[in-house]
Amino acid sequence: MAQKINKAFSILGIIKRNSIYMDESSFTLLYKSMVRQYLEYANSLWCPYKQGDIKELEKNEKRATKLVINLKKDSI
């Protein structure tokens, strides 16, 4: 499970480095197609029961949410 979360973080980092060139809808499309596939792959991610796993998943989602907020601020 940790490998899947780390892979999702690395892909999210690639998207972050290139987010200067995209708008909110492009970011959302990339996140849904490239990052969420790693997070939704394992059955344990659908129903995590370990607190550590839940926190790692939420950390990834929080990081993506911060990127979307930054995209909105840059476009204003």
Protein backbone atom coordinates (compact mmCIF):
# COMPACT_ATOMS: atom_id res chain seq x y z
CA MET A 1 0.00 0.00 0.00
CA ALA A 2 2.83 2.39 0.82
CA GLN A 3 4.26 1.86 -2.66
CA LYS A 4 0.98 2.93 -4.27
CA ILE A 5 0.74 6.04 -2.11
CA ASN A 6 4.36 6.97 -2.85
CA LYS A 7 3.77 6.52 -6.57
CA ALA A 8 0.70 8.77 -6.35
CA PHE A 9 2.77 11.40 -4.51
CA SER A 10 5.48 11.30 -7.15
CA ILE A 11 3.01 11.74 -9.99
CA LEU A 12 1.33 14.56 -8.10
CA GLY A 13 4.76 16.19 -7.80
CA ILE A 14 5.24 15.97 -11.56
CA ILE A 15 1.85 17.61 -12.07
CA LYS A 16 2.76 20.30 -9.52
CA ARG A 17 5.99 21.17 -11.32
CA ASN A 18 4.08 21.64 -14.55
CA SER A 19 1.02 23.33 -13.05
CA ILE A 20 2.29 26.74 -14.09
CA TYR A 21 1.15 25.90 -17.62
CA MET A 22 -2.37 24.68 -16.85
CA ASP A 23 -5.70 25.82 -15.60
CA GLU A 24 -7.96 24.23 -12.98
CA SER A 25 -9.82 21.94 -15.37
CA SER A 26 -6.58 20.61 -16.85
CA PHE A 27 -5.23 19.90 -13.38
CA THR A 28 -8.41 18.10 -12.41
CA LEU A 29 -8.29 15.96 -15.53
CA LEU A 30 -4.64 15.02 -14.92
CA TYR A 31 -5.27 14.26 -11.24
CA LYS A 32 -8.22 12.03 -11.98
CA SER A 33 -6.51 10.16 -14.79
CA MET A 34 -2.97 9.82 -13.40
CA VAL A 35 -3.07 9.98 -9.59
CA ARG A 36 -6.40 8.50 -8.57
CA GLN A 37 -5.78 5.30 -10.51
CA TYR A 38 -2.97 4.45 -8.09
CA LEU A 39 -5.05 5.32 -5.06
CA GLU A 40 -8.11 3.38 -6.19
CA TYR A 41 -6.24 0.27 -7.37
CA ALA A 42 -5.95 -1.67 -4.14
CA ASN A 43 -8.99 -2.92 -2.27
CA SER A 44 -7.50 -1.70 1.01
CA LEU A 45 -7.75 1.84 -0.29
CA TRP A 46 -11.49 1.56 -0.72
CA CYS A 47 -11.92 0.73 2.93
CA PRO A 48 -8.73 1.50 4.88
CA TYR A 49 -8.79 0.32 8.47
CA LYS A 50 -5.35 1.46 9.66
CA GLN A 51 -5.13 5.02 10.92
CA GLY A 52 -1.72 5.46 9.27
CA ASP A 53 -3.14 4.50 5.87
CA ILE A 54 -6.06 6.85 6.27
CA LYS A 55 -3.73 9.73 7.17
CA GLU A 56 -1.49 9.07 4.16
CA LEU A 57 -4.47 9.05 1.80
CA GLU A 58 -5.81 12.25 3.28
CA LYS A 59 -2.37 13.87 3.03
CA ASN A 60 -2.29 13.15 -0.70
CA GLU A 61 -5.78 14.58 -1.19
CA LYS A 62 -4.93 17.65 0.89
CA ARG A 63 -1.83 18.30 -1.20
CA ALA A 64 -3.87 18.11 -4.41
CA THR A 65 -6.47 20.46 -2.95
CA LYS A 66 -3.76 23.01 -2.12
CA LEU A 67 -2.56 22.86 -5.71
CA VAL A 68 -6.04 23.61 -7.03
CA ILE A 69 -6.37 26.57 -4.66
CA ASN A 70 -3.00 27.90 -5.86
CA LEU A 71 -4.15 27.55 -9.46
CA LYS A 72 -7.20 29.66 -8.67
CA LYS A 73 -5.08 32.36 -7.03
CA ASP A 74 -2.66 32.51 -9.96
CA SER A 75 -5.44 32.96 -12.50
CA ILE A 76 -6.99 35.96 -10.72
